Amino acid sequence: MNIFKFLRKDQKALLLIFVGTVAFIFIFIPFLKFQMMGSTHKINAYPSLSSVCGLLLGPIYGFFAVILVTLIYFFLNPKAFYFGIYSLIPPTLAVISAGALSEGKWKYSVIILIIGLLMFYSTDVGRVVFYHPFLSILALLLIFIFREKISDLLFSKDYKKMVVGALILSFSSVMIDHLYGSILGIVYLHLPAEDYISAIPIFIKERLIMTILGAFFVIFAIEISRCFLRNATKLKEKLIKDYIDEEIKTTNNNCILNADEELLEKYGVKIPSEEEQKEILKTFVEVMMANNDKNEKNGYKK
């Protein structure tokens, strides 16, 4: 079950996740960079964050988050965008794909990859260096093989399965970014086929590093959310327990029972023990909390 999909249904949670993700991307982008082929520009490691951004925010809100961060950077330093405003295309498509895959909507990722491959092979460079997007083709095959199981793997309780799901999610989003970046290199920068041939060993290294980084962030996000939800439940239970203990203690200290024990025993009236009082009060508190949540939801709908 994609827990982030349900967390996003709460407006406050969605806002916090959105702001946190945008801040994280904005801060992380300047750190890790790779030299771009055929240019003095450097490639930021933002493709590493496409998978976790799509995971946390889904395809729609993830799209807006990447657009926001990219536009801010574009206005701050437009020269860093070697494809101009078209530099928005690779990261947004990568995030949309990651968000869709994390929700089991694998067909969207397949469509994005197939369209990209068709566009690449329609160019002169694509026909010469036909083997250049082999990792993107591998990503397409992995999505075809695992399909909606990618989402199941991501949120599996088996740690090994979760790692496999995170690697597939990260790899596919990184390779979508690379594929559309390659297309823009041909169309926008007019890079020759020789550059694409010589860059193969370099891009294999950098994209594998990005994949591993991306998978790490995905696993970290899932584990943090699980830890938070577990601790939130324990925290709620602890608060209830502390409240009950305090109420029982206050009641016992302030209440003096002036009753004839023999008379109570005669009519079969039993005074609840302290543990029984705690259980009764616990049930009462849980019912009150459930009713309160229900009333809040009904009020919110109105």
C-alpha atoms as a PDB file:
ATOM      1  CA  MET A   1       0.000   0.000   0.000  1.00  0.00           C
ATOM      2  CA  ASN A   2       1.358   3.403  -1.024  1.00  0.00           C
ATOM      3  CA  ILE A   3       1.143   5.213   2.308  1.00  0.00           C
ATOM      4  CA  PHE A   4       2.076   8.567   0.759  1.00  0.00           C
ATOM      5  CA  LYS A   5      -0.961   8.416  -1.497  1.00  0.00           C
ATOM      6  CA  PHE A   6      -3.164   8.337   1.602  1.00  0.00           C
ATOM      7  CA  LEU A   7      -1.103  10.910   3.508  1.00  0.00           C
ATOM      8  CA  ARG A   8      -1.578  13.359   0.628  1.00  0.00           C
ATOM      9  CA  LYS A   9      -5.353  13.234   1.146  1.00  0.00           C
ATOM     10  CA  ASP A  10      -4.853  15.345   4.246  1.00  0.00           C
ATOM     11  CA  GLN A  11      -4.288  18.963   3.148  1.00  0.00           C
ATOM     12  CA  LYS A  12      -1.905  19.806   5.973  1.00  0.00           C
ATOM     13  CA  ALA A  13       0.155  16.663   5.350  1.00  0.00           C
ATOM     14  CA  LEU A  14       0.237  17.419   1.610  1.00  0.00           C
ATOM     15  CA  LEU A  15       1.416  20.972   2.240  1.00  0.00           C
ATOM     16  CA  LEU A  16       4.148  19.808   4.612  1.00  0.00           C
ATOM     17  CA  ILE A  17       5.350  17.110   2.215  1.00  0.00           C
ATOM     18  CA  PHE A  18       5.285  19.540  -0.728  1.00  0.00           C
ATOM     19  CA  VAL A  19       7.223  22.270   1.089  1.00  0.00           C
ATOM     20  CA  GLY A  20       9.682  19.759   2.545  1.00  0.00           C
ATOM     21  CA  THR A  21      10.321  18.131  -0.833  1.00  0.00           C
ATOM     22  CA  VAL A  22      10.811  21.463  -2.620  1.00  0.00           C
ATOM     23  CA  ALA A  23      13.227  22.632   0.077  1.00  0.00           C
ATOM     24  CA  PHE A  24      15.159  19.345  -0.052  1.00  0.00           C
ATOM     25  CA  ILE A  25      15.495  19.433  -3.854  1.00  0.00           C
ATOM     26  CA  PHE A  26      16.492  23.103  -3.820  1.00  0.00           C
ATOM     27  CA  ILE A  27      19.202  22.503  -1.218  1.00  0.00           C
ATOM     28  CA  PHE A  28      20.534  19.241  -2.688  1.00  0.00           C
ATOM     29  CA  ILE A  29      20.859  20.243  -6.374  1.00  0.00           C
ATOM     30  CA  PRO A  30      24.096  22.308  -6.132  1.00  0.00           C
ATOM     31  CA  PHE A  31      26.138  19.631  -4.409  1.00  0.00           C
ATOM     32  CA  LEU A  32      26.796  16.711  -6.780  1.00  0.00           C
ATOM     33  CA  LYS A  33      27.576  17.543 -10.425  1.00  0.00           C
ATOM     34  CA  PHE A  34      28.787  15.713 -13.533  1.00  0.00           C
ATOM     35  CA  GLN A  35      30.516  17.142 -16.612  1.00  0.00           C
ATOM     36  CA  MET A  36      28.159  17.366 -19.582  1.00  0.00           C
ATOM     37  CA  MET A  37      29.362  15.899 -22.873  1.00  0.00           C
ATOM     38  CA  GLY A  38      30.197  18.393 -25.629  1.00  0.00           C
ATOM     39  CA  SER A  39      29.798  21.375 -23.320  1.00  0.00           C
ATOM     40  CA  THR A  40      31.422  23.286 -20.474  1.00  0.00           C
ATOM     41  CA  HIS A  41      28.191  22.896 -18.483  1.00  0.00           C
ATOM     42  CA  LYS A  42      27.796  20.447 -15.652  1.00  0.00           C
ATOM     43  CA  ILE A  43      24.843  18.152 -15.011  1.00  0.00           C
ATOM     44  CA  ASN A  44      23.341  18.408 -11.550  1.00  0.00           C
ATOM     45  CA  ALA A  45      22.421  15.223  -9.738  1.00  0.00           C
ATOM     46  CA  TYR A  46      18.753  16.229  -9.567  1.00  0.00           C
ATOM     47  CA  PRO A  47      17.713  13.055 -11.500  1.00  0.00           C
ATOM     48  CA  SER A  48      18.580  11.224  -8.270  1.00  0.00           C
ATOM     49  CA  LEU A  49      15.678  13.039  -6.615  1.00  0.00           C
ATOM     50  CA  SER A  50      13.084  12.365  -9.322  1.00  0.00           C
ATOM     51  CA  SER A  51      12.107   9.019  -7.845  1.00  0.00           C
ATOM     52  CA  VAL A  52      11.666  10.209  -4.251  1.00  0.00           C
ATOM     53  CA  CYS A  53       9.862  13.350  -5.418  1.00  0.00           C
ATOM     54  CA  GLY A  54       7.408  11.251  -7.423  1.00  0.00           C
ATOM     55  CA  LEU A  55       7.043   8.818  -4.534  1.00  0.00           C
ATOM     56  CA  LEU A  56       6.264  11.492  -1.949  1.00  0.00           C
ATOM     57  CA  LEU A  57       4.067  13.760  -4.048  1.00  0.00           C
ATOM     58  CA  GLY A  58       2.729  11.565  -6.842  1.00  0.00           C
ATOM     59  CA  PRO A  59       2.773  12.507 -10.531  1.00  0.00           C
ATOM     60  CA  ILE A  60       0.713  15.702 -10.299  1.00  0.00           C
ATOM     61  CA  TYR A  61       2.091  17.428  -7.205  1.00  0.00           C
ATOM     62  CA  GLY A  62       5.562  16.080  -8.010  1.00  0.00           C
ATOM     63  CA  PHE A  63       5.301  17.791 -11.391  1.00  0.00           C
ATOM     64  CA  PHE A  64       4.470  21.125  -9.739  1.00  0.00           C
ATOM     65  CA  ALA A  65       7.296  20.720  -7.216  1.00  0.00           C
ATOM     66  CA  VAL A  66       9.915  20.159  -9.927  1.00  0.00           C
ATOM     67  CA  ILE A  67       8.522  22.996 -12.053  1.00  0.00           C
ATOM     68  CA  LEU A  68       8.720  25.348  -9.065  1.00  0.00           C
ATOM     69  CA  VAL A  69      12.309  24.432  -8.154  1.00  0.00           C
ATOM     70  CA  THR A  70      13.509  24.476 -11.769  1.00  0.00           C
ATOM     71  CA  LEU A  71      11.925  27.850 -12.494  1.00  0.00           C
ATOM     72  CA  ILE A  72      13.511  29.365  -9.386  1.00  0.00           C
ATOM     73  CA  TYR A  73      16.935  28.103 -10.449  1.00  0.00           C
ATOM     74  CA  PHE A  74      16.277  29.236 -14.009  1.00  0.00           C
ATOM     75  CA  PHE A  75      15.626  32.837 -12.925  1.00  0.00           C
ATOM     76  CA  LEU A  76      18.584  32.792 -10.522  1.00  0.00           C
ATOM     77  CA  ASN A  77      21.061  31.363 -13.017  1.00  0.00           C
ATOM     78  CA  PRO A  78      19.637  30.937 -16.548  1.00  0.00           C
ATOM     79  CA  LYS A  79      23.082  30.177 -18.024  1.00  0.00           C
ATOM     80  CA  ALA A  80      23.172  26.922 -16.056  1.00  0.00           C
ATOM     81  CA  PHE A  81      20.269  25.612 -18.142  1.00  0.00           C
ATOM     82  CA  TYR A  82      22.004  24.287 -21.238  1.00  0.00           C
ATOM     83  CA  PHE A  83      18.670  23.541 -22.955  1.00  0.00           C
ATOM     84  CA  GLY A  84      17.117  26.871 -22.014  1.00  0.00           C
ATOM     85  CA  ILE A  85      13.534  26.655 -20.832  1.00  0.00           C
ATOM     86  CA  TYR A  86      13.354  23.188 -22.425  1.00  0.00           C
ATOM     87  CA  SER A  87      15.477  21.987 -19.520  1.00  0.00           C
ATOM     88  CA  LEU A  88      12.156  21.587 -17.679  1.00  0.00           C
ATOM     89  CA  ILE A  89      11.166  18.629 -19.847  1.00  0.00           C
ATOM     90  CA  PRO A  90      13.483  15.788 -18.653  1.00  0.00           C
ATOM     91  CA  PRO A  91      13.015  16.245 -14.873  1.00  0.00           C
ATOM     92  CA  THR A  92       9.261  16.753 -15.047  1.00  0.00           C
ATOM     93  CA  LEU A  93       8.755  13.650 -17.181  1.00  0.00           C
ATOM     94  CA  ALA A  94      11.006  11.662 -14.833  1.00  0.00           C
ATOM     95  CA  VAL A  95       8.977  12.738 -11.791  1.00  0.00           C
ATOM     96  CA  ILE A  96       5.648  12.038 -13.505  1.00  0.00           C
ATOM     97  CA  SER A  97       6.900   8.545 -14.371  1.00  0.00           C
ATOM     98  CA  ALA A  98       8.154   7.886 -10.820  1.00  0.00           C
ATOM     99  CA  GLY A  99       4.913   9.112  -9.283  1.00  0.00           C
ATOM    100  CA  ALA A 100       2.837   6.947 -11.598  1.00  0.00           C
ATOM    101  CA  LEU A 101       5.003   3.858 -11.021  1.00  0.00           C
ATOM    102  CA  SER A 102       4.827   4.240  -7.241  1.00  0.00           C
ATOM    103  CA  GLU A 103       1.031   4.167  -7.516  1.00  0.00           C
ATOM    104  CA  GLY A 104       0.997   1.125  -9.803  1.00  0.00           C
ATOM    105  CA  LYS A 105       0.181   3.141 -12.946  1.00  0.00           C
ATOM    106  CA  TRP A 106       3.055   1.680 -14.943  1.00  0.00           C
ATOM    107  CA  LYS A 107       1.538   2.357 -18.383  1.00  0.00           C
ATOM    108  CA  TYR A 108       2.273   6.082 -18.097  1.00  0.00           C
ATOM    109  CA  SER A 109       5.977   5.334 -17.650  1.00  0.00           C
ATOM    110  CA  VAL A 110       5.922   2.964 -20.607  1.00  0.00           C
ATOM    111  CA  ILE A 111       4.294   5.617 -22.817  1.00  0.00           C
ATOM    112  CA  ILE A 112       6.869   8.240 -21.776  1.00  0.00           C
ATOM    113  CA  LEU A 113       9.757   5.873 -22.548  1.00  0.00           C
ATOM    114  CA  ILE A 114       8.354   4.645 -25.874  1.00  0.00           C
ATOM    115  CA  ILE A 115       7.689   8.197 -27.110  1.00  0.00           C
ATOM    116  CA  GLY A 116      11.222   9.184 -26.084  1.00  0.00           C
ATOM    117  CA  LEU A 117      12.779   6.227 -27.883  1.00  0.00           C
ATOM    118  CA  LEU A 118      10.789   6.935 -31.042  1.00  0.00           C
ATOM    119  CA  MET A 119      11.905  10.560 -30.949  1.00  0.00           C
ATOM    120  CA  PHE A 120      15.553   9.564 -30.436  1.00  0.00           C
ATOM    121  CA  TYR A 121      15.550   7.068 -33.313  1.00  0.00           C
ATOM    122  CA  SER A 122      13.889   9.591 -35.623  1.00  0.00           C
ATOM    123  CA  THR A 123      17.051  11.732 -35.517  1.00  0.00           C
ATOM    124  CA  ASP A 124      20.183  11.229 -37.608  1.00  0.00           C
ATOM    125  CA  VAL A 125      22.272  10.720 -34.458  1.00  0.00           C
ATOM    126  CA  GLY A 126      19.812   8.122 -33.218  1.00  0.00           C
ATOM    127  CA  ARG A 127      20.134   6.102 -36.403  1.00  0.00           C
ATOM    128  CA  VAL A 128      23.944   6.212 -36.207  1.00  0.00           C
ATOM    129  CA  VAL A 129      24.337   5.576 -32.484  1.00  0.00           C
ATOM    130  CA  PHE A 130      21.327   3.268 -32.238  1.00  0.00           C
ATOM    131  CA  TYR A 131      22.774   1.517 -29.170  1.00  0.00           C
ATOM    132  CA  HIS A 132      23.127   4.727 -27.102  1.00  0.00           C
ATOM    133  CA  PRO A 133      19.788   4.443 -25.194  1.00  0.00           C
ATOM    134  CA  PHE A 134      20.289   0.785 -24.232  1.00  0.00           C
ATOM    135  CA  LEU A 135      19.857   1.586 -20.524  1.00  0.00           C
ATOM    136  CA  SER A 136      16.585   3.370 -21.261  1.00  0.00           C
ATOM    137  CA  ILE A 137      15.472   0.269 -23.174  1.00  0.00           C
ATOM    138  CA  LEU A 138      16.463  -1.832 -20.151  1.00  0.00           C
ATOM    139  CA  ALA A 139      14.340   0.447 -17.945  1.00  0.00           C
ATOM    140  CA  LEU A 140      11.412  -0.065 -20.318  1.00  0.00           C
ATOM    141  CA  LEU A 141      11.839  -3.863 -20.155  1.00  0.00           C
ATOM    142  CA  LEU A 142      11.998  -3.803 -16.346  1.00  0.00           C
ATOM    143  CA  ILE A 143       8.749  -1.840 -16.180  1.00  0.00           C
ATOM    144  CA  PHE A 144       7.118  -4.282 -18.602  1.00  0.00           C
ATOM    145  CA  ILE A 145       8.297  -7.258 -16.541  1.00  0.00           C
ATOM    146  CA  PHE A 146       7.315  -5.981 -13.095  1.00  0.00           C
ATOM    147  CA  ARG A 147       4.449  -3.601 -14.018  1.00  0.00           C
ATOM    148  CA  GLU A 148       2.211  -2.871 -11.007  1.00  0.00           C
ATOM    149  CA  LYS A 149       4.401  -5.144  -8.863  1.00  0.00           C
ATOM    150  CA  ILE A 150       6.900  -2.278  -8.629  1.00  0.00           C
ATOM    151  CA  SER A 151       4.537  -0.501  -6.238  1.00  0.00           C
ATOM    152  CA  ASP A 152       4.070  -3.725  -4.241  1.00  0.00           C
ATOM    153  CA  LEU A 153       7.841  -4.195  -4.005  1.00  0.00           C
ATOM    154  CA  LEU A 154       8.369  -0.625  -2.802  1.00  0.00           C
ATOM    155  CA  PHE A 155       6.060  -1.032   0.164  1.00  0.00           C
ATOM    156  CA  SER A 156       6.851  -4.661   0.913  1.00  0.00           C
ATOM    157  CA  LYS A 157       7.754  -5.603   4.480  1.00  0.00           C
ATOM    158  CA  ASP A 158      10.566  -7.701   3.002  1.00  0.00           C
ATOM    159  CA  TYR A 159      13.568  -5.365   2.939  1.00  0.00           C
ATOM    160  CA  LYS A 160      15.162  -7.079  -0.080  1.00  0.00           C
ATOM    161  CA  LYS A 161      12.000  -6.632  -2.144  1.00  0.00           C
ATOM    162  CA  MET A 162      11.802  -2.992  -1.106  1.00  0.00           C
ATOM    163  CA  VAL A 163      15.391  -2.432  -2.292  1.00  0.00           C
ATOM    164  CA  VAL A 164      14.587  -4.042  -5.656  1.00  0.00           C
ATOM    165  CA  GLY A 165      11.506  -1.826  -6.041  1.00  0.00           C
ATOM    166  CA  ALA A 166      13.483   1.294  -5.079  1.00  0.00           C
ATOM    167  CA  LEU A 167      16.230   0.477  -7.593  1.00  0.00           C
ATOM    168  CA  ILE A 168      13.731  -0.069 -10.426  1.00  0.00           C
ATOM    169  CA  LEU A 169      11.880   3.149  -9.575  1.00  0.00           C
ATOM    170  CA  SER A 170      15.085   5.172  -9.373  1.00  0.00           C
ATOM    171  CA  PHE A 171      16.674   3.598 -12.455  1.00  0.00           C
ATOM    172  CA  SER A 172      13.631   4.152 -14.654  1.00  0.00           C
ATOM    173  CA  SER A 173      13.223   7.816 -13.636  1.00  0.00           C
ATOM    174  CA  VAL A 174      16.949   8.500 -14.080  1.00  0.00           C
ATOM    175  CA  MET A 175      16.943   6.915 -17.545  1.00  0.00           C
ATOM    176  CA  ILE A 176      13.847   8.841 -18.647  1.00  0.00           C
ATOM    177  CA  ASP A 177      15.650  12.026 -17.668  1.00  0.00           C
ATOM    178  CA  HIS A 178      18.726  10.847 -19.601  1.00  0.00           C
ATOM    179  CA  LEU A 179      16.735   9.843 -22.689  1.00  0.00           C
ATOM    180  CA  TYR A 180      14.975  13.178 -23.064  1.00  0.00           C
ATOM    181  CA  GLY A 181      18.199  15.004 -22.212  1.00  0.00           C
ATOM    182  CA  SER A 182      19.880  13.114 -25.064  1.00  0.00           C
ATOM    183  CA  ILE A 183      17.095  14.149 -27.435  1.00  0.00           C
ATOM    184  CA  LEU A 184      17.462  17.803 -26.420  1.00  0.00           C
ATOM    185  CA  GLY A 185      21.225  17.532 -26.912  1.00  0.00           C
ATOM    186  CA  ILE A 186      20.602  16.569 -30.536  1.00  0.00           C
ATOM    187  CA  VAL A 187      17.782  18.996 -31.264  1.00  0.00           C
ATOM    188  CA  TYR A 188      18.816  22.016 -29.179  1.00  0.00           C
ATOM    189  CA  LEU A 189      22.618  21.821 -28.976  1.00  0.00           C
ATOM    190  CA  HIS A 190      23.150  19.913 -32.256  1.00  0.00           C
ATOM    191  CA  LEU A 191      25.642  17.531 -30.648  1.00  0.00           C
ATOM    192  CA  PRO A 192      27.286  15.182 -33.164  1.00  0.00           C
ATOM    193  CA  ALA A 193      27.129  11.396 -33.063  1.00  0.00           C
ATOM    194  CA  GLU A 194      30.793  11.247 -32.020  1.00  0.00           C
ATOM    195  CA  ASP A 195      29.962  12.921 -28.707  1.00  0.00           C
ATOM    196  CA  TYR A 196      27.270  10.343 -27.988  1.00  0.00           C
ATOM    197  CA  ILE A 197      29.653   7.496 -28.757  1.00  0.00           C
ATOM    198  CA  SER A 198      32.473   8.836 -26.578  1.00  0.00           C
ATOM    199  CA  ALA A 199      30.092   9.659 -23.712  1.00  0.00           C
ATOM    200  CA  ILE A 200      28.739   6.121 -23.233  1.00  0.00           C
ATOM    201  CA  PRO A 201      31.228   5.036 -20.515  1.00  0.00           C
ATOM    202  CA  ILE A 202      30.770   8.373 -18.730  1.00  0.00           C
ATOM    203  CA  PHE A 203      26.974   8.360 -18.715  1.00  0.00           C
ATOM    204  CA  ILE A 204      26.858   4.720 -17.600  1.00  0.00           C
ATOM    205  CA  LYS A 205      28.922   5.643 -14.546  1.00  0.00           C
ATOM    206  CA  GLU A 206      27.031   8.830 -13.697  1.00  0.00           C
ATOM    207  CA  ARG A 207      23.564   7.331 -14.228  1.00  0.00           C
ATOM    208  CA  LEU A 208      24.370   4.296 -12.084  1.00  0.00           C
ATOM    209  CA  ILE A 209      25.555   6.616  -9.310  1.00  0.00           C
ATOM    210  CA  MET A 210      22.337   8.621  -9.661  1.00  0.00           C
ATOM    211  CA  THR A 211      20.296   5.403  -9.550  1.00  0.00           C
ATOM    212  CA  ILE A 212      21.929   4.254  -6.325  1.00  0.00           C
ATOM    213  CA  LEU A 213      21.496   7.703  -4.760  1.00  0.00           C
ATOM    214  CA  GLY A 214      17.875   7.821  -5.842  1.00  0.00           C
ATOM    215  CA  ALA A 215      17.167   4.352  -4.448  1.00  0.00           C
ATOM    216  CA  PHE A 216      18.746   5.399  -1.145  1.00  0.00           C
ATOM    217  CA  PHE A 217      16.454   8.435  -0.879  1.00  0.00           C
ATOM    218  CA  VAL A 218      13.409   6.308  -1.730  1.00  0.00           C
ATOM    219  CA  ILE A 219      14.226   3.691   0.915  1.00  0.00           C
ATOM    220  CA  PHE A 220      15.017   6.424   3.437  1.00  0.00           C
ATOM    221  CA  ALA A 221      11.670   8.143   2.798  1.00  0.00           C
ATOM    222  CA  ILE A 222       9.709   4.896   3.151  1.00  0.00           C
ATOM    223  CA  GLU A 223      11.508   3.878   6.331  1.00  0.00           C
ATOM    224  CA  ILE A 224      11.099   7.338   7.877  1.00  0.00           C
ATOM    225  CA  SER A 225       7.362   7.277   7.138  1.00  0.00           C
ATOM    226  CA  ARG A 226       7.001   3.796   8.643  1.00  0.00           C
ATOM    227  CA  CYS A 227       8.943   4.827  11.728  1.00  0.00           C
ATOM    228  CA  PHE A 228       6.815   7.931  12.115  1.00  0.00           C
ATOM    229  CA  LEU A 229       3.544   6.014  11.771  1.00  0.00           C
ATOM    230  CA  ARG A 230       4.674   3.353  14.227  1.00  0.00           C
ATOM    231  CA  ASN A 231       5.790   5.950  16.742  1.00  0.00           C
ATOM    232  CA  ALA A 232       2.658   7.989  16.194  1.00  0.00           C
ATOM    233  CA  THR A 233       0.570   4.989  17.207  1.00  0.00           C
ATOM    234  CA  LYS A 234       2.765   4.320  20.212  1.00  0.00           C
ATOM    235  CA  LEU A 235       2.639   7.968  21.140  1.00  0.00           C
ATOM    236  CA  LYS A 236      -1.150   7.922  21.012  1.00  0.00           C
ATOM    237  CA  GLU A 237      -1.245   4.792  23.176  1.00  0.00           C
ATOM    238  CA  LYS A 238       1.208   6.360  25.638  1.00  0.00           C
ATOM    239  CA  LEU A 239      -0.875   9.519  25.889  1.00  0.00           C
ATOM    240  CA  ILE A 240      -4.019   7.462  26.537  1.00  0.00           C
ATOM    241  CA  LYS A 241      -2.217   5.400  29.168  1.00  0.00           C
ATOM    242  CA  ASP A 242      -0.826   8.469  30.913  1.00  0.00           C
ATOM    243  CA  TYR A 243      -4.239  10.095  30.847  1.00  0.00           C
ATOM    244  CA  ILE A 244      -5.916   7.006  32.331  1.00  0.00           C
ATOM    245  CA  ASP A 245      -3.283   6.622  35.048  1.00  0.00           C
ATOM    246  CA  GLU A 246      -3.677  10.265  35.984  1.00  0.00           C
ATOM    247  CA  GLU A 247      -7.482  10.031  36.074  1.00  0.00           C
ATOM    248  CA  ILE A 248      -7.434   6.872  38.217  1.00  0.00           C
ATOM    249  CA  LYS A 249      -4.899   8.413  40.586  1.00  0.00           C
ATOM    250  CA  THR A 250      -6.941  11.625  40.912  1.00  0.00           C
ATOM    251  CA  THR A 251     -10.167   9.709  41.441  1.00  0.00           C
ATOM    252  CA  ASN A 252      -8.700   7.463  44.128  1.00  0.00           C
ATOM    253  CA  ASN A 253      -7.144  10.419  45.949  1.00  0.00           C
ATOM    254  CA  ASN A 254     -10.209  12.664  45.890  1.00  0.00           C
ATOM    255  CA  CYS A 255     -13.031  10.166  46.285  1.00  0.00           C
ATOM    256  CA  ILE A 256     -13.871   8.529  49.607  1.00  0.00           C
ATOM    257  CA  LEU A 257     -16.332   5.684  49.366  1.00  0.00           C
ATOM    258  CA  ASN A 258     -18.662   5.624  52.392  1.00  0.00           C
ATOM    259  CA  ALA A 259     -20.523   2.407  51.780  1.00  0.00           C
ATOM    260  CA  ASP A 260     -21.351  -0.649  53.799  1.00  0.00           C
ATOM    261  CA  GLU A 261     -19.220  -3.431  52.290  1.00  0.00           C
ATOM    262  CA  GLU A 262     -21.561  -6.113  53.699  1.00  0.00           C
ATOM    263  CA  LEU A 263     -24.558  -4.395  52.108  1.00  0.00           C
ATOM    264  CA  LEU A 264     -22.742  -4.164  48.764  1.00  0.00           C
ATOM    265  CA  GLU A 265     -21.838  -7.840  48.962  1.00  0.00           C
ATOM    266  CA  LYS A 266     -25.444  -8.735  49.849  1.00  0.00           C
ATOM    267  CA  TYR A 267     -26.823  -7.139  46.716  1.00  0.00           C
ATOM    268  CA  GLY A 268     -23.992  -8.391  44.517  1.00  0.00           C
ATOM    269  CA  VAL A 269     -22.479  -4.988  43.882  1.00  0.00           C
ATOM    270  CA  LYS A 270     -18.760  -5.223  43.152  1.00  0.00           C
ATOM    271  CA  ILE A 271     -16.375  -2.278  43.275  1.00  0.00           C
ATOM    272  CA  PRO A 272     -14.111  -2.400  40.177  1.00  0.00           C
ATOM    273  CA  SER A 273     -10.457  -2.940  40.868  1.00  0.00           C
ATOM    274  CA  GLU A 274      -7.894  -0.375  39.708  1.00  0.00           C
ATOM    275  CA  GLU A 275      -7.019  -2.448  36.626  1.00  0.00           C
ATOM    276  CA  GLU A 276     -10.695  -2.822  35.737  1.00  0.00           C
ATOM    277  CA  GLN A 277     -11.171   0.908  36.149  1.00  0.00           C
ATOM    278  CA  LYS A 278      -8.292   1.503  33.763  1.00  0.00           C
ATOM    279  CA  GLU A 279      -9.791  -0.811  31.127  1.00  0.00           C
ATOM    280  CA  ILE A 280     -13.200   0.866  31.422  1.00  0.00           C
ATOM    281  CA  LEU A 281     -11.683   4.338  31.146  1.00  0.00           C
ATOM    282  CA  LYS A 282      -9.481   3.255  28.242  1.00  0.00           C
ATOM    283  CA  THR A 283     -12.511   2.029  26.315  1.00  0.00           C
ATOM    284  CA  PHE A 284     -14.342   5.241  27.100  1.00  0.00           C
ATOM    285  CA  VAL A 285     -11.435   7.409  25.890  1.00  0.00           C
ATOM    286  CA  GLU A 286     -11.039   5.418  22.668  1.00  0.00           C
ATOM    287  CA  VAL A 287     -14.752   5.767  21.906  1.00  0.00           C
ATOM    288  CA  MET A 288     -14.576   9.506  22.592  1.00  0.00           C
ATOM    289  CA  MET A 289     -11.545   9.873  20.298  1.00  0.00           C
ATOM    290  CA  ALA A 290     -13.228   7.899  17.526  1.00  0.00           C
ATOM    291  CA  ASN A 291     -16.365  10.029  17.799  1.00  0.00           C
ATOM    292  CA  ASN A 292     -14.262  13.182  17.809  1.00  0.00           C
ATOM    293  CA  ASP A 293     -12.430  12.103  14.621  1.00  0.00           C
ATOM    294  CA  LYS A 294     -15.756  11.283  12.992  1.00  0.00           C
ATOM    295  CA  ASN A 295     -17.209  14.660  13.923  1.00  0.00           C
ATOM    296  CA  GLU A 296     -14.119  16.457  12.595  1.00  0.00           C
ATOM    297  CA  LYS A 297     -14.342  14.625   9.284  1.00  0.00           C
ATOM    298  CA  ASN A 298     -18.036  15.401   8.933  1.00  0.00           C
ATOM    299  CA  GLY A 299     -17.376  19.022   9.769  1.00  0.00           C
ATOM    300  CA  TYR A 300     -14.540  19.149   7.246  1.00  0.00           C
ATOM    301  CA  LYS A 301     -16.768  17.792   4.486  1.00  0.00           C
ATOM    302  CA  LYS A 302     -19.314  20.430   5.165  1.00  0.00           C
END
